């Protein structure tokens, strides 16, 4: 399953990403690839939060409907919902209070959930290991 996101370029070469079907689901990236990675994690975190809160998850709109809502110069890309690619699993982890506080601050500054931020960090590190 995909939700279409609007990738709005900024003057530094980065992108702000919004999901019109999911108000409040916003992220950004320094380039197109990072924006796409961040968008996937923001989407997953937002959908999981809606489910955790017992709120309805709106269905994705057609691509054409999102194109109509996008500002001039923006691009629209489909972003896959990972929950439909693989099953999510809740885990308990232990880390120092200071590190957890830093994770939470960084997640907030990126408009992400703690889980979404930790998933991005884990993917990034795993990608570094496999590319070395």
Protein backbone atom coordinates (compact mmCIF):
# COMPACT_ATOMS: atom_id res chain seq x y z
CA UNK A 1 0.00 0.00 0.00
CA UNK A 2 1.19 3.50 -0.83
CA UNK A 3 0.39 7.02 0.31
CA UNK A 4 1.34 9.82 -2.05
CA UNK A 5 3.56 12.52 -0.59
CA UNK A 6 4.31 16.04 -1.79
CA UNK A 7 8.05 16.76 -1.99
CA UNK A 8 8.41 20.54 -1.92
CA UNK A 9 11.97 21.70 -2.73
CA UNK A 10 13.62 24.35 -0.57
CA UNK A 11 16.31 26.87 -1.52
CA UNK A 12 19.13 24.69 -0.07
CA UNK A 13 18.48 21.65 -2.27
CA UNK A 14 16.45 19.81 0.35
CA UNK A 15 12.78 18.88 0.48
CA UNK A 16 9.88 19.26 2.87
CA UNK A 17 7.58 16.26 2.63
CA UNK A 18 3.88 16.32 3.50
CA UNK A 19 1.12 13.74 3.23
CA UNK A 20 -2.18 15.47 2.39
CA UNK A 21 -4.13 12.39 3.49
CA UNK A 22 -2.44 12.51 6.91
CA UNK A 23 -2.51 16.00 8.44
CA UNK A 24 0.49 16.54 10.70
CA UNK A 25 2.63 13.90 8.97
CA UNK A 26 5.56 16.09 7.89
CA UNK A 27 9.28 15.50 7.51
CA UNK A 28 12.21 16.77 5.48
CA UNK A 29 15.49 15.69 3.97
CA UNK A 30 18.67 17.32 2.77
CA UNK A 31 18.27 15.71 -0.66
CA UNK A 32 15.70 13.65 -2.55
CA UNK A 33 16.96 10.28 -1.29
CA UNK A 34 17.08 11.34 2.35
CA UNK A 35 13.64 12.94 2.02
CA UNK A 36 12.24 9.68 0.64
CA UNK A 37 13.79 7.66 3.49
CA UNK A 38 12.48 10.12 6.07
CA UNK A 39 9.05 10.11 4.41
CA UNK A 40 8.77 6.33 4.68
CA UNK A 41 9.65 6.43 8.37
CA UNK A 42 7.35 9.37 9.09
CA UNK A 43 4.51 7.56 7.32
CA UNK A 44 5.08 4.34 9.26
CA UNK A 45 5.28 6.20 12.58
CA UNK A 46 2.19 8.27 11.87
CA UNK A 47 0.07 5.26 10.87
CA UNK A 48 1.28 3.28 13.88
CA UNK A 49 0.43 6.20 16.20
CA UNK A 50 -3.08 6.44 14.75
CA UNK A 51 -3.55 2.71 15.33
CA UNK A 52 -2.11 2.88 18.86
CA UNK A 53 -4.54 5.68 19.70
CA UNK A 54 -7.49 3.77 18.23
CA UNK A 55 -8.03 6.47 15.61
CA UNK A 56 -9.17 5.71 12.07
CA UNK A 57 -6.52 5.44 9.36
CA UNK A 58 -7.72 7.34 6.29
CA UNK A 59 -7.40 5.56 2.97
CA UNK A 60 -4.85 6.88 0.49
CA UNK A 61 -6.12 9.29 -2.16
CA UNK A 62 -5.46 8.71 -5.83
CA UNK A 63 -2.28 10.19 -7.31
CA UNK A 64 -4.29 12.72 -9.34
CA UNK A 65 -6.01 14.07 -6.23
CA UNK A 66 -2.65 14.70 -4.56
CA UNK A 67 -1.26 16.32 -7.72
CA UNK A 68 -4.11 18.84 -7.56
CA UNK A 69 -3.09 19.77 -4.00
CA UNK A 70 0.63 20.13 -4.69
CA UNK A 71 2.22 23.59 -5.04
CA UNK A 72 4.01 24.64 -8.23
CA UNK A 73 7.49 23.14 -8.42
CA UNK A 74 6.71 20.28 -6.03
CA UNK A 75 6.87 16.60 -6.93
CA UNK A 76 4.50 13.84 -5.89
CA UNK A 77 5.88 10.37 -5.10
CA UNK A 78 4.21 7.23 -3.79
CA UNK A 79 5.66 6.23 -0.42
CA UNK A 80 5.23 2.58 0.61
CA UNK A 81 3.77 1.77 3.99
CA UNK A 82 6.22 -0.68 5.55
CA UNK A 83 3.55 -2.23 7.76
CA UNK A 84 2.13 -3.78 4.60
CA UNK A 85 5.56 -4.91 3.41
CA UNK A 86 6.49 -6.67 6.63
CA UNK A 87 4.82 -7.21 9.95
CA UNK A 88 5.68 -4.73 12.67
CA UNK A 89 6.84 -6.08 16.01
CA UNK A 90 6.80 -4.25 19.32
CA UNK A 91 10.01 -4.63 21.34
CA UNK A 92 11.35 -3.41 24.65
CA UNK A 93 14.83 -1.91 24.67
CA UNK A 94 17.09 -0.56 27.37
CA UNK A 95 19.36 2.47 27.03
CA UNK A 96 20.73 5.18 29.26
CA UNK A 97 18.44 8.05 30.22
CA UNK A 98 20.73 10.63 28.63
CA UNK A 99 20.82 8.79 25.32
CA UNK A 100 17.05 8.31 25.38
CA UNK A 101 16.58 12.03 26.01
CA UNK A 102 18.84 12.82 23.03
CA UNK A 103 16.91 10.37 20.85
CA UNK A 104 13.59 11.95 21.86
CA UNK A 105 14.86 15.50 21.19
CA UNK A 106 16.21 14.48 17.78
CA UNK A 107 12.99 12.65 16.91
CA UNK A 108 10.89 15.70 17.83
CA UNK A 109 13.12 18.01 15.81
CA UNK A 110 12.63 15.72 12.78
CA UNK A 111 8.84 15.44 13.38
CA UNK A 112 9.23 11.71 13.97
CA UNK A 113 8.17 9.25 16.60
CA UNK A 114 10.79 7.63 18.81
CA UNK A 115 10.19 4.30 17.03
CA UNK A 116 10.49 5.91 13.61
CA UNK A 117 13.71 7.66 14.59
CA UNK A 118 15.26 4.48 16.00
CA UNK A 119 14.26 2.58 12.84
CA UNK A 120 15.96 5.21 10.65
CA UNK A 121 19.07 5.07 12.83
CA UNK A 122 19.14 1.27 12.69
CA UNK A 123 18.67 1.21 8.90
CA UNK A 124 21.36 3.84 8.45
CA UNK A 125 23.84 1.92 10.56
CA UNK A 126 23.01 -1.39 8.87
CA UNK A 127 23.48 0.27 5.45
CA UNK A 128 26.90 1.52 6.59
CA UNK A 129 27.87 -2.00 7.68
CA UNK A 130 26.83 -3.59 4.41
CA UNK A 131 28.48 -0.92 2.24
CA UNK A 132 31.83 -1.10 4.07
